Amino acid sequence: LVLVVLVLLSRIDRLVDRRHLEAVRVVV
């Protein structure tokens, strides 16, 4: 059960969150 859940959730996570991470640094 744990292995099935981990595999399924990692695939769902990759499908749902295809957005990129960015860091924006500002000085104000």
mmCIF file of all heavy atoms, coordinates in Angstrom:
data_MODEL
# 
_entry.id   MODEL 
# 
loop_
_atom_site.group_PDB 
_atom_site.id 
_atom_site.type_symbol 
_atom_site.label_atom_id 
_atom_site.label_alt_id 
_atom_site.label_comp_id 
_atom_site.label_asym_id 
_atom_site.label_entity_id 
_atom_site.label_seq_id 
_atom_site.pdbx_PDB_ins_code 
_atom_site.Cartn_x 
_atom_site.Cartn_y 
_atom_site.Cartn_z 
_atom_site.occupancy 
_atom_site.B_iso_or_equiv 
_atom_site.pdbx_formal_charge 
_atom_site.auth_seq_id 
_atom_site.auth_comp_id 
_atom_site.auth_asym_id 
_atom_site.auth_atom_id 
_atom_site.pdbx_PDB_model_num 
ATOM 1   N N   . LEU A 1 1  ? 0.825  -1.209 0.000   1.00 0.00 ? 1  LEU A N   1 
ATOM 2   C CA  . LEU A 1 1  ? 0.000  0.000  0.000   1.00 0.00 ? 1  LEU A CA  1 
ATOM 3   C C   . LEU A 1 1  ? 0.864  1.266  0.000   1.00 0.00 ? 1  LEU A C   1 
ATOM 4   O O   . LEU A 1 1  ? 0.614  2.194  -0.764  1.00 0.00 ? 1  LEU A O   1 
ATOM 5   C CB  . LEU A 1 1  ? -0.941 0.004  1.205   1.00 0.00 ? 1  LEU A CB  1 
ATOM 6   C CG  . LEU A 1 1  ? -1.852 1.224  1.337   1.00 0.00 ? 1  LEU A CG  1 
ATOM 7   C CD1 . LEU A 1 1  ? -2.826 1.284  0.171   1.00 0.00 ? 1  LEU A CD1 1 
ATOM 8   C CD2 . LEU A 1 1  ? -2.583 1.191  2.658   1.00 0.00 ? 1  LEU A CD2 1 
ATOM 9   N N   . VAL A 1 2  ? 1.888  1.302  0.835   1.00 0.00 ? 2  VAL A N   1 
ATOM 10  C CA  . VAL A 1 2  ? 2.773  2.468  0.901   1.00 0.00 ? 2  VAL A CA  1 
ATOM 11  C C   . VAL A 1 2  ? 3.474  2.685  -0.441  1.00 0.00 ? 2  VAL A C   1 
ATOM 12  O O   . VAL A 1 2  ? 3.549  3.809  -0.946  1.00 0.00 ? 2  VAL A O   1 
ATOM 13  C CB  . VAL A 1 2  ? 3.798  2.318  2.047   1.00 0.00 ? 2  VAL A CB  1 
ATOM 14  C CG1 . VAL A 1 2  ? 4.900  3.358  1.951   1.00 0.00 ? 2  VAL A CG1 1 
ATOM 15  C CG2 . VAL A 1 2  ? 3.104  2.418  3.394   1.00 0.00 ? 2  VAL A CG2 1 
ATOM 16  N N   . LEU A 1 3  ? 3.978  1.621  -1.043  1.00 0.00 ? 3  LEU A N   1 
ATOM 17  C CA  . LEU A 1 3  ? 4.669  1.753  -2.330  1.00 0.00 ? 3  LEU A CA  1 
ATOM 18  C C   . LEU A 1 3  ? 3.728  2.238  -3.429  1.00 0.00 ? 3  LEU A C   1 
ATOM 19  O O   . LEU A 1 3  ? 4.096  3.107  -4.227  1.00 0.00 ? 3  LEU A O   1 
ATOM 20  C CB  . LEU A 1 3  ? 5.314  0.422  -2.725  1.00 0.00 ? 3  LEU A CB  1 
ATOM 21  C CG  . LEU A 1 3  ? 6.529  0.019  -1.888  1.00 0.00 ? 3  LEU A CG  1 
ATOM 22  C CD1 . LEU A 1 3  ? 7.009  -1.380 -2.282  1.00 0.00 ? 3  LEU A CD1 1 
ATOM 23  C CD2 . LEU A 1 3  ? 7.641  1.034  -2.028  1.00 0.00 ? 3  LEU A CD2 1 
ATOM 24  N N   . VAL A 1 4  ? 2.519  1.694  -3.468  1.00 0.00 ? 4  VAL A N   1 
ATOM 25  C CA  . VAL A 1 4  ? 1.550  2.120  -4.483  1.00 0.00 ? 4  VAL A CA  1 
ATOM 26  C C   . VAL A 1 4  ? 1.214  3.607  -4.301  1.00 0.00 ? 4  VAL A C   1 
ATOM 27  O O   . VAL A 1 4  ? 1.198  4.367  -5.263  1.00 0.00 ? 4  VAL A O   1 
ATOM 28  C CB  . VAL A 1 4  ? 0.273  1.248  -4.427  1.00 0.00 ? 4  VAL A CB  1 
ATOM 29  C CG1 . VAL A 1 4  ? -0.858 1.865  -5.221  1.00 0.00 ? 4  VAL A CG1 1 
ATOM 30  C CG2 . VAL A 1 4  ? 0.577  -0.153 -4.936  1.00 0.00 ? 4  VAL A CG2 1 
ATOM 31  N N   . VAL A 1 5  ? 0.974  4.006  -3.064  1.00 0.00 ? 5  VAL A N   1 
ATOM 32  C CA  . VAL A 1 5  ? 0.631  5.405  -2.795  1.00 0.00 ? 5  VAL A CA  1 
ATOM 33  C C   . VAL A 1 5  ? 1.792  6.326  -3.177  1.00 0.00 ? 5  VAL A C   1 
ATOM 34  O O   . VAL A 1 5  ? 1.588  7.365  -3.819  1.00 0.00 ? 5  VAL A O   1 
ATOM 35  C CB  . VAL A 1 5  ? 0.236  5.598  -1.312  1.00 0.00 ? 5  VAL A CB  1 
ATOM 36  C CG1 . VAL A 1 5  ? 0.200  7.069  -0.940  1.00 0.00 ? 5  VAL A CG1 1 
ATOM 37  C CG2 . VAL A 1 5  ? -1.105 4.945  -1.042  1.00 0.00 ? 5  VAL A CG2 1 
ATOM 38  N N   . LEU A 1 6  ? 3.011  5.961  -2.823  1.00 0.00 ? 6  LEU A N   1 
ATOM 39  C CA  . LEU A 1 6  ? 4.161  6.802  -3.145  1.00 0.00 ? 6  LEU A CA  1 
ATOM 40  C C   . LEU A 1 6  ? 4.368  6.936  -4.648  1.00 0.00 ? 6  LEU A C   1 
ATOM 41  O O   . LEU A 1 6  ? 4.632  8.030  -5.156  1.00 0.00 ? 6  LEU A O   1 
ATOM 42  C CB  . LEU A 1 6  ? 5.426  6.262  -2.485  1.00 0.00 ? 6  LEU A CB  1 
ATOM 43  C CG  . LEU A 1 6  ? 5.508  6.443  -0.978  1.00 0.00 ? 6  LEU A CG  1 
ATOM 44  C CD1 . LEU A 1 6  ? 6.750  5.752  -0.428  1.00 0.00 ? 6  LEU A CD1 1 
ATOM 45  C CD2 . LEU A 1 6  ? 5.502  7.904  -0.601  1.00 0.00 ? 6  LEU A CD2 1 
ATOM 46  N N   . VAL A 1 7  ? 4.228  5.838  -5.375  1.00 0.00 ? 7  VAL A N   1 
ATOM 47  C CA  . VAL A 1 7  ? 4.400  5.885  -6.833  1.00 0.00 ? 7  VAL A CA  1 
ATOM 48  C C   . VAL A 1 7  ? 3.297  6.718  -7.472  1.00 0.00 ? 7  VAL A C   1 
ATOM 49  O O   . VAL A 1 7  ? 3.555  7.588  -8.311  1.00 0.00 ? 7  VAL A O   1 
ATOM 50  C CB  . VAL A 1 7  ? 4.434  4.462  -7.423  1.00 0.00 ? 7  VAL A CB  1 
ATOM 51  C CG1 . VAL A 1 7  ? 4.326  4.487  -8.934  1.00 0.00 ? 7  VAL A CG1 1 
ATOM 52  C CG2 . VAL A 1 7  ? 5.710  3.749  -7.006  1.00 0.00 ? 7  VAL A CG2 1 
ATOM 53  N N   . LEU A 1 8  ? 2.040  6.476  -7.061  1.00 0.00 ? 8  LEU A N   1 
ATOM 54  C CA  . LEU A 1 8  ? 0.924  7.233  -7.632  1.00 0.00 ? 8  LEU A CA  1 
ATOM 55  C C   . LEU A 1 8  ? 1.022  8.723  -7.314  1.00 0.00 ? 8  LEU A C   1 
ATOM 56  O O   . LEU A 1 8  ? 0.818  9.566  -8.192  1.00 0.00 ? 8  LEU A O   1 
ATOM 57  C CB  . LEU A 1 8  ? -0.408 6.681  -7.141  1.00 0.00 ? 8  LEU A CB  1 
ATOM 58  C CG  . LEU A 1 8  ? -0.833 5.337  -7.717  1.00 0.00 ? 8  LEU A CG  1 
ATOM 59  C CD1 . LEU A 1 8  ? -2.131 4.875  -7.068  1.00 0.00 ? 8  LEU A CD1 1 
ATOM 60  C CD2 . LEU A 1 8  ? -0.996 5.425  -9.217  1.00 0.00 ? 8  LEU A CD2 1 
ATOM 61  N N   . LEU A 1 9  ? 1.336  9.051  -6.075  1.00 0.00 ? 9  LEU A N   1 
ATOM 62  C CA  . LEU A 1 9  ? 1.410  10.466 -5.702  1.00 0.00 ? 9  LEU A CA  1 
ATOM 63  C C   . LEU A 1 9  ? 2.562  11.183 -6.399  1.00 0.00 ? 9  LEU A C   1 
ATOM 64  O O   . LEU A 1 9  ? 2.432  12.347 -6.770  1.00 0.00 ? 9  LEU A O   1 
ATOM 65  C CB  . LEU A 1 9  ? 1.530  10.618 -4.187  1.00 0.00 ? 9  LEU A CB  1 
ATOM 66  C CG  . LEU A 1 9  ? 0.255  10.325 -3.407  1.00 0.00 ? 9  LEU A CG  1 
ATOM 67  C CD1 . LEU A 1 9  ? 0.509  10.497 -1.909  1.00 0.00 ? 9  LEU A CD1 1 
ATOM 68  C CD2 . LEU A 1 9  ? -0.896 11.191 -3.853  1.00 0.00 ? 9  LEU A CD2 1 
ATOM 69  N N   . SER A 1 10 ? 3.681  10.501 -6.595  1.00 0.00 ? 10 SER A N   1 
ATOM 70  C CA  . SER A 1 10 ? 4.787  11.171 -7.294  1.00 0.00 ? 10 SER A CA  1 
ATOM 71  C C   . SER A 1 10 ? 4.425  11.438 -8.749  1.00 0.00 ? 10 SER A C   1 
ATOM 72  O O   . SER A 1 10 ? 4.764  12.483 -9.304  1.00 0.00 ? 10 SER A O   1 
ATOM 73  C CB  . SER A 1 10 ? 6.073  10.356 -7.201  1.00 0.00 ? 10 SER A CB  1 
ATOM 74  O OG  . SER A 1 10 ? 5.962  9.164  -7.945  1.00 0.00 ? 10 SER A OG  1 
ATOM 75  N N   . ARG A 1 11 ? 3.689  10.524 -9.379  1.00 0.00 ? 11 ARG A N   1 
ATOM 76  C CA  . ARG A 1 11 ? 3.254  10.756 -10.759 1.00 0.00 ? 11 ARG A CA  1 
ATOM 77  C C   . ARG A 1 11 ? 2.214  11.863 -10.834 1.00 0.00 ? 11 ARG A C   1 
ATOM 78  O O   . ARG A 1 11 ? 2.263  12.712 -11.726 1.00 0.00 ? 11 ARG A O   1 
ATOM 79  C CB  . ARG A 1 11 ? 2.699  9.467  -11.355 1.00 0.00 ? 11 ARG A CB  1 
ATOM 80  C CG  . ARG A 1 11 ? 3.788  8.463  -11.641 1.00 0.00 ? 11 ARG A CG  1 
ATOM 81  C CD  . ARG A 1 11 ? 3.278  7.254  -12.355 1.00 0.00 ? 11 ARG A CD  1 
ATOM 82  N NE  . ARG A 1 11 ? 4.383  6.345  -12.577 1.00 0.00 ? 11 ARG A NE  1 
ATOM 83  C CZ  . ARG A 1 11 ? 4.250  5.100  -12.923 1.00 0.00 ? 11 ARG A CZ  1 
ATOM 84  N NH1 . ARG A 1 11 ? 3.042  4.587  -13.104 1.00 0.00 ? 11 ARG A NH1 1 
ATOM 85  N NH2 . ARG A 1 11 ? 5.305  4.339  -13.091 1.00 0.00 ? 11 ARG A NH2 1 
ATOM 86  N N   . ILE A 1 12 ? 1.279  11.875 -9.906  1.00 0.00 ? 12 ILE A N   1 
ATOM 87  C CA  . ILE A 1 12 ? 0.264  12.930 -9.876  1.00 0.00 ? 12 ILE A CA  1 
ATOM 88  C C   . ILE A 1 12 ? 0.928  14.281 -9.630  1.00 0.00 ? 12 ILE A C   1 
ATOM 89  O O   . ILE A 1 12 ? 0.587  15.281 -10.267 1.00 0.00 ? 12 ILE A O   1 
ATOM 90  C CB  . ILE A 1 12 ? -0.804 12.633 -8.793  1.00 0.00 ? 12 ILE A CB  1 
ATOM 91  C CG1 . ILE A 1 12 ? -1.659 11.444 -9.234  1.00 0.00 ? 12 ILE A CG1 1 
ATOM 92  C CG2 . ILE A 1 12 ? -1.670 13.859 -8.536  1.00 0.00 ? 12 ILE A CG2 1 
ATOM 93  C CD1 . ILE A 1 12 ? -2.576 10.925 -8.149  1.00 0.00 ? 12 ILE A CD1 1 
ATOM 94  N N   . ASP A 1 13 ? 1.902  14.323 -8.718  1.00 0.00 ? 13 ASP A N   1 
ATOM 95  C CA  . ASP A 1 13 ? 2.607  15.565 -8.430  1.00 0.00 ? 13 ASP A CA  1 
ATOM 96  C C   . ASP A 1 13 ? 3.294  16.105 -9.678  1.00 0.00 ? 13 ASP A C   1 
ATOM 97  O O   . ASP A 1 13 ? 3.250  17.299 -9.950  1.00 0.00 ? 13 ASP A O   1 
ATOM 98  C CB  . ASP A 1 13 ? 3.630  15.326 -7.322  1.00 0.00 ? 13 ASP A CB  1 
ATOM 99  C CG  . ASP A 1 13 ? 4.295  16.605 -6.865  1.00 0.00 ? 13 ASP A CG  1 
ATOM 100 O OD1 . ASP A 1 13 ? 3.576  17.604 -6.671  1.00 0.00 ? 13 ASP A OD1 1 
ATOM 101 O OD2 . ASP A 1 13 ? 5.528  16.603 -6.711  1.00 0.00 ? 13 ASP A OD2 1 
ATOM 102 N N   . ARG A 1 14 ? 3.926  15.233 -10.446 1.00 0.00 ? 14 ARG A N   1 
ATOM 103 C CA  . ARG A 1 14 ? 4.589  15.681 -11.672 1.00 0.00 ? 14 ARG A CA  1 
ATOM 104 C C   . ARG A 1 14 ? 3.587  16.182 -12.699 1.00 0.00 ? 14 ARG A C   1 
ATOM 105 O O   . ARG A 1 14 ? 3.857  17.123 -13.438 1.00 0.00 ? 14 ARG A O   1 
ATOM 106 C CB  . ARG A 1 14 ? 5.428  14.567 -12.276 1.00 0.00 ? 14 ARG A CB  1 
ATOM 107 C CG  . ARG A 1 14 ? 6.805  14.487 -11.637 1.00 0.00 ? 14 ARG A CG  1 
ATOM 108 C CD  . ARG A 1 14 ? 7.589  13.422 -12.292 1.00 0.00 ? 14 ARG A CD  1 
ATOM 109 N NE  . ARG A 1 14 ? 7.027  12.187 -11.749 1.00 0.00 ? 14 ARG A NE  1 
ATOM 110 C CZ  . ARG A 1 14 ? 7.475  10.980 -11.989 1.00 0.00 ? 14 ARG A CZ  1 
ATOM 111 N NH1 . ARG A 1 14 ? 8.460  10.805 -12.806 1.00 0.00 ? 14 ARG A NH1 1 
ATOM 112 N NH2 . ARG A 1 14 ? 6.925  9.930  -11.445 1.00 0.00 ? 14 ARG A NH2 1 
ATOM 113 N N   . LEU A 1 15 ? 2.414  15.563 -12.779 1.00 0.00 ? 15 LEU A N   1 
ATOM 114 C CA  . LEU A 1 15 ? 1.407  16.002 -13.739 1.00 0.00 ? 15 LEU A CA  1 
ATOM 115 C C   . LEU A 1 15 ? 0.785  17.335 -13.350 1.00 0.00 ? 15 LEU A C   1 
ATOM 116 O O   . LEU A 1 15 ? 0.556  18.200 -14.188 1.00 0.00 ? 15 LEU A O   1 
ATOM 117 C CB  . LEU A 1 15 ? 0.300  14.954 -13.876 1.00 0.00 ? 15 LEU A CB  1 
ATOM 118 C CG  . LEU A 1 15 ? 0.676  13.656 -14.583 1.00 0.00 ? 15 LEU A CG  1 
ATOM 119 C CD1 . LEU A 1 15 ? -0.474 12.651 -14.473 1.00 0.00 ? 15 LEU A CD1 1 
ATOM 120 C CD2 . LEU A 1 15 ? 1.022  13.908 -16.032 1.00 0.00 ? 15 LEU A CD2 1 
ATOM 121 N N   . VAL A 1 16 ? 0.495  17.484 -12.070 1.00 0.00 ? 16 VAL A N   1 
ATOM 122 C CA  . VAL A 1 16 ? -0.202 18.681 -11.600 1.00 0.00 ? 16 VAL A CA  1 
ATOM 123 C C   . VAL A 1 16 ? 0.732  19.890 -11.537 1.00 0.00 ? 16 VAL A C   1 
ATOM 124 O O   . VAL A 1 16 ? 0.359  20.986 -11.944 1.00 0.00 ? 16 VAL A O   1 
ATOM 125 C CB  . VAL A 1 16 ? -0.818 18.422 -10.206 1.00 0.00 ? 16 VAL A CB  1 
ATOM 126 C CG1 . VAL A 1 16 ? -1.325 19.709 -9.584  1.00 0.00 ? 16 VAL A CG1 1 
ATOM 127 C CG2 . VAL A 1 16 ? -1.936 17.414 -10.327 1.00 0.00 ? 16 VAL A CG2 1 
ATOM 128 N N   . ASP A 1 17 ? 1.934  19.713 -11.046 1.00 0.00 ? 17 ASP A N   1 
ATOM 129 C CA  . ASP A 1 17 ? 2.819  20.850 -10.817 1.00 0.00 ? 17 ASP A CA  1 
ATOM 130 C C   . ASP A 1 17 ? 3.915  20.905 -11.872 1.00 0.00 ? 17 ASP A C   1 
ATOM 131 O O   . ASP A 1 17 ? 5.050  20.573 -11.627 1.00 0.00 ? 17 ASP A O   1 
ATOM 132 C CB  . ASP A 1 17 ? 3.427  20.758 -9.423  1.00 0.00 ? 17 ASP A CB  1 
ATOM 133 C CG  . ASP A 1 17 ? 4.079  22.059 -9.004  1.00 0.00 ? 17 ASP A CG  1 
ATOM 134 O OD1 . ASP A 1 17 ? 3.848  23.073 -9.681  1.00 0.00 ? 17 ASP A OD1 1 
ATOM 135 O OD2 . ASP A 1 17 ? 4.802  22.056 -8.007  1.00 0.00 ? 17 ASP A OD2 1 
ATOM 136 N N   . ARG A 1 18 ? 3.557  21.361 -13.046 1.00 0.00 ? 18 ARG A N   1 
ATOM 137 C CA  . ARG A 1 18 ? 4.531  21.503 -14.126 1.00 0.00 ? 18 ARG A CA  1 
ATOM 138 C C   . ARG A 1 18 ? 5.070  22.925 -14.204 1.00 0.00 ? 18 ARG A C   1 
ATOM 139 O O   . ARG A 1 18 ? 5.705  23.292 -15.165 1.00 0.00 ? 18 ARG A O   1 
ATOM 140 C CB  . ARG A 1 18 ? 3.896  21.109 -15.457 1.00 0.00 ? 18 ARG A CB  1 
ATOM 141 C CG  . ARG A 1 18 ? 3.613  19.632 -15.516 1.00 0.00 ? 18 ARG A CG  1 
ATOM 142 C CD  . ARG A 1 18 ? 3.098  19.242 -16.862 1.00 0.00 ? 18 ARG A CD  1 
ATOM 143 N NE  . ARG A 1 18 ? 2.877  17.818 -16.864 1.00 0.00 ? 18 ARG A NE  1 
ATOM 144 C CZ  . ARG A 1 18 ? 3.382  16.989 -17.747 1.00 0.00 ? 18 ARG A CZ  1 
ATOM 145 N NH1 . ARG A 1 18 ? 4.094  17.443 -18.731 1.00 0.00 ? 18 ARG A NH1 1 
ATOM 146 N NH2 . ARG A 1 18 ? 3.152  15.704 -17.664 1.00 0.00 ? 18 ARG A NH2 1 
ATOM 147 N N   . ARG A 1 19 ? 4.760  23.699 -13.211 1.00 0.00 ? 19 ARG A N   1 
ATOM 148 C CA  . ARG A 1 19 ? 5.262  25.066 -13.185 1.00 0.00 ? 19 ARG A CA  1 
ATOM 149 C C   . ARG A 1 19 ? 6.728  25.066 -12.763 1.00 0.00 ? 19 ARG A C   1 
ATOM 150 O O   . ARG A 1 19 ? 7.197  24.167 -12.085 1.00 0.00 ? 19 ARG A O   1 
ATOM 151 C CB  . ARG A 1 19 ? 4.432  25.904 -12.224 1.00 0.00 ? 19 ARG A CB  1 
ATOM 152 C CG  . ARG A 1 19 ? 2.976  25.959 -12.647 1.00 0.00 ? 19 ARG A CG  1 
ATOM 153 C CD  . ARG A 1 19 ? 2.162  26.692 -11.658 1.00 0.00 ? 19 ARG A CD  1 
ATOM 154 N NE  . ARG A 1 19 ? 2.098  25.939 -10.406 1.00 0.00 ? 19 ARG A NE  1 
ATOM 155 C CZ  . ARG A 1 19 ? 1.453  26.327 -9.346  1.00 0.00 ? 19 ARG A CZ  1 
ATOM 156 N NH1 . ARG A 1 19 ? 0.810  27.450 -9.339  1.00 0.00 ? 19 ARG A NH1 1 
ATOM 157 N NH2 . ARG A 1 19 ? 1.432  25.606 -8.259  1.00 0.00 ? 19 ARG A NH2 1 
ATOM 158 N N   . HIS A 1 20 ? 7.440  26.114 -13.140 1.00 0.00 ? 20 HIS A N   1 
ATOM 159 C CA  . HIS A 1 20 ? 8.856  26.227 -12.840 1.00 0.00 ? 20 HIS A CA  1 
ATOM 160 C C   . HIS A 1 20 ? 9.066  27.070 -11.585 1.00 0.00 ? 20 HIS A C   1 
ATOM 161 O O   . HIS A 1 20 ? 8.272  27.935 -11.262 1.00 0.00 ? 20 HIS A O   1 
ATOM 162 C CB  . HIS A 1 20 ? 9.583  26.878 -14.016 1.00 0.00 ? 20 HIS A CB  1 
ATOM 163 C CG  . HIS A 1 20 ? 9.400  26.134 -15.291 1.00 0.00 ? 20 HIS A CG  1 
ATOM 164 N ND1 . HIS A 1 20 ? 10.071 24.976 -15.564 1.00 0.00 ? 20 HIS A ND1 1 
ATOM 165 C CD2 . HIS A 1 20 ? 8.607  26.366 -16.356 1.00 0.00 ? 20 HIS A CD2 1 
ATOM 166 C CE1 . HIS A 1 20 ? 9.710  24.539 -16.755 1.00 0.00 ? 20 HIS A CE1 1 
ATOM 167 N NE2 . HIS A 1 20 ? 8.812  25.362 -17.258 1.00 0.00 ? 20 HIS A NE2 1 
ATOM 168 N N   . LEU A 1 21 ? 10.168 26.811 -10.909 1.00 0.00 ? 21 LEU A N   1 
ATOM 169 C CA  . LEU A 1 21 ? 10.529 27.616 -9.747  1.00 0.00 ? 21 LEU A CA  1 
ATOM 170 C C   . LEU A 1 21 ? 11.483 28.720 -10.178 1.00 0.00 ? 21 LEU A C   1 
ATOM 171 O O   . LEU A 1 21 ? 12.392 28.494 -10.968 1.00 0.00 ? 21 LEU A O   1 
ATOM 172 C CB  . LEU A 1 21 ? 11.211 26.750 -8.696  1.00 0.00 ? 21 LEU A CB  1 
ATOM 173 C CG  . LEU A 1 21 ? 10.341 25.716 -8.008  1.00 0.00 ? 21 LEU A CG  1 
ATOM 174 C CD1 . LEU A 1 21 ? 11.190 24.866 -7.079  1.00 0.00 ? 21 LEU A CD1 1 
ATOM 175 C CD2 . LEU A 1 21 ? 9.223  26.379 -7.246  1.00 0.00 ? 21 LEU A CD2 1 
ATOM 176 N N   . GLU A 1 22 ? 11.283 29.878 -9.645  1.00 0.00 ? 22 GLU A N   1 
ATOM 177 C CA  . GLU A 1 22 ? 12.123 31.027 -9.946  1.00 0.00 ? 22 GLU A CA  1 
ATOM 178 C C   . GLU A 1 22 ? 12.428 31.743 -8.634  1.00 0.00 ? 22 GLU A C   1 
ATOM 179 O O   . GLU A 1 22 ? 11.622 31.753 -7.718  1.00 0.00 ? 22 GLU A O   1 
ATOM 180 C CB  . GLU A 1 22 ? 11.405 32.022 -10.868 1.00 0.00 ? 22 GLU A CB  1 
ATOM 181 C CG  . GLU A 1 22 ? 10.949 31.469 -12.183 1.00 0.00 ? 22 GLU A CG  1 
ATOM 182 C CD  . GLU A 1 22 ? 12.058 31.310 -13.197 1.00 0.00 ? 22 GLU A CD  1 
ATOM 183 O OE1 . GLU A 1 22 ? 13.139 31.915 -13.009 1.00 0.00 ? 22 GLU A OE1 1 
ATOM 184 O OE2 . GLU A 1 22 ? 11.857 30.573 -14.155 1.00 0.00 ? 22 GLU A OE2 1 
ATOM 185 N N   . ALA A 1 23 ? 13.593 32.340 -8.574  1.00 0.00 ? 23 ALA A N   1 
ATOM 186 C CA  . ALA A 1 23 ? 13.935 33.221 -7.453  1.00 0.00 ? 23 ALA A CA  1 
ATOM 187 C C   . ALA A 1 23 ? 14.142 34.616 -8.033  1.00 0.00 ? 23 ALA A C   1 
ATOM 188 O O   . ALA A 1 23 ? 14.893 34.781 -8.990  1.00 0.00 ? 23 ALA A O   1 
ATOM 189 C CB  . ALA A 1 23 ? 15.190 32.747 -6.748  1.00 0.00 ? 23 ALA A CB  1 
ATOM 190 N N   . VAL A 1 24 ? 13.461 35.583 -7.477  1.00 0.00 ? 24 VAL A N   1 
ATOM 191 C CA  . VAL A 1 24 ? 13.610 36.964 -7.928  1.00 0.00 ? 24 VAL A CA  1 
ATOM 192 C C   . VAL A 1 24 ? 14.133 37.775 -6.742  1.00 0.00 ? 24 VAL A C   1 
ATOM 193 O O   . VAL A 1 24 ? 13.531 37.777 -5.674  1.00 0.00 ? 24 VAL A O   1 
ATOM 194 C CB  . VAL A 1 24 ? 12.271 37.551 -8.431  1.00 0.00 ? 24 VAL A CB  1 
ATOM 195 C CG1 . VAL A 1 24 ? 12.420 39.021 -8.781  1.00 0.00 ? 24 VAL A CG1 1 
ATOM 196 C CG2 . VAL A 1 24 ? 11.766 36.759 -9.626  1.00 0.00 ? 24 VAL A CG2 1 
ATOM 197 N N   . ARG A 1 25 ? 15.272 38.410 -6.948  1.00 0.00 ? 25 ARG A N   1 
ATOM 198 C CA  . ARG A 1 25 ? 15.902 39.213 -5.916  1.00 0.00 ? 25 ARG A CA  1 
ATOM 199 C C   . ARG A 1 25 ? 15.752 40.679 -6.278  1.00 0.00 ? 25 ARG A C   1 
ATOM 200 O O   . ARG A 1 25 ? 16.076 41.087 -7.391  1.00 0.00 ? 25 ARG A O   1 
ATOM 201 C CB  . ARG A 1 25 ? 17.381 38.851 -5.844  1.00 0.00 ? 25 ARG A CB  1 
ATOM 202 C CG  . ARG A 1 25 ? 18.131 39.519 -4.739  1.00 0.00 ? 25 ARG A CG  1 
ATOM 203 C CD  . ARG A 1 25 ? 19.448 38.837 -4.524  1.00 0.00 ? 25 ARG A CD  1 
ATOM 204 N NE  . ARG A 1 25 ? 20.736 39.322 -4.760  1.00 0.00 ? 25 ARG A NE  1 
ATOM 205 C CZ  . ARG A 1 25 ? 21.208 40.502 -5.123  1.00 0.00 ? 25 ARG A CZ  1 
ATOM 206 N NH1 . ARG A 1 25 ? 20.463 41.445 -5.408  1.00 0.00 ? 25 ARG A NH1 1 
ATOM 207 N NH2 . ARG A 1 25 ? 22.441 40.775 -5.235  1.00 0.00 ? 25 ARG A NH2 1 
ATOM 208 N N   . VAL A 1 26 ? 15.215 41.446 -5.338  1.00 0.00 ? 26 VAL A N   1 
ATOM 209 C CA  . VAL A 1 26 ? 15.048 42.881 -5.563  1.00 0.00 ? 26 VAL A CA  1 
ATOM 210 C C   . VAL A 1 26 ? 15.671 43.644 -4.399  1.00 0.00 ? 26 VAL A C   1 
ATOM 211 O O   . VAL A 1 26 ? 15.741 43.146 -3.281  1.00 0.00 ? 26 VAL A O   1 
ATOM 212 C CB  . VAL A 1 26 ? 13.558 43.281 -5.719  1.00 0.00 ? 26 VAL A CB  1 
ATOM 213 C CG1 . VAL A 1 26 ? 12.918 42.596 -6.906  1.00 0.00 ? 26 VAL A CG1 1 
ATOM 214 C CG2 . VAL A 1 26 ? 12.774 42.989 -4.465  1.00 0.00 ? 26 VAL A CG2 1 
ATOM 215 N N   . VAL A 1 27 ? 16.137 44.827 -4.703  1.00 0.00 ? 27 VAL A N   1 
ATOM 216 C CA  . VAL A 1 27 ? 16.624 45.742 -3.673  1.00 0.00 ? 27 VAL A CA  1 
ATOM 217 C C   . VAL A 1 27 ? 15.789 47.010 -3.807  1.00 0.00 ? 27 VAL A C   1 
ATOM 218 O O   . VAL A 1 27 ? 15.708 47.600 -4.886  1.00 0.00 ? 27 VAL A O   1 
ATOM 219 C CB  . VAL A 1 27 ? 18.125 46.042 -3.848  1.00 0.00 ? 27 VAL A CB  1 
ATOM 220 C CG1 . VAL A 1 27 ? 18.581 47.066 -2.811  1.00 0.00 ? 27 VAL A CG1 1 
ATOM 221 C CG2 . VAL A 1 27 ? 18.949 44.768 -3.733  1.00 0.00 ? 27 VAL A CG2 1 
ATOM 222 N N   . VAL A 1 28 ? 15.128 47.384 -2.706  1.00 0.00 ? 28 VAL A N   1 
ATOM 223 C CA  . VAL A 1 28 ? 14.237 48.551 -2.697  1.00 0.00 ? 28 VAL A CA  1 
ATOM 224 C C   . VAL A 1 28 ? 14.482 49.352 -1.420  1.00 0.00 ? 28 VAL A C   1 
ATOM 225 O O   . VAL A 1 28 ? 15.137 48.884 -0.496  1.00 0.00 ? 28 VAL A O   1 
ATOM 226 C CB  . VAL A 1 28 ? 12.745 48.135 -2.755  1.00 0.00 ? 28 VAL A CB  1 
ATOM 227 C CG1 . VAL A 1 28 ? 12.414 47.448 -4.054  1.00 0.00 ? 28 VAL A CG1 1 
ATOM 228 C CG2 . VAL A 1 28 ? 12.379 47.258 -1.586  1.00 0.00 ? 28 VAL A CG2 1 
# 
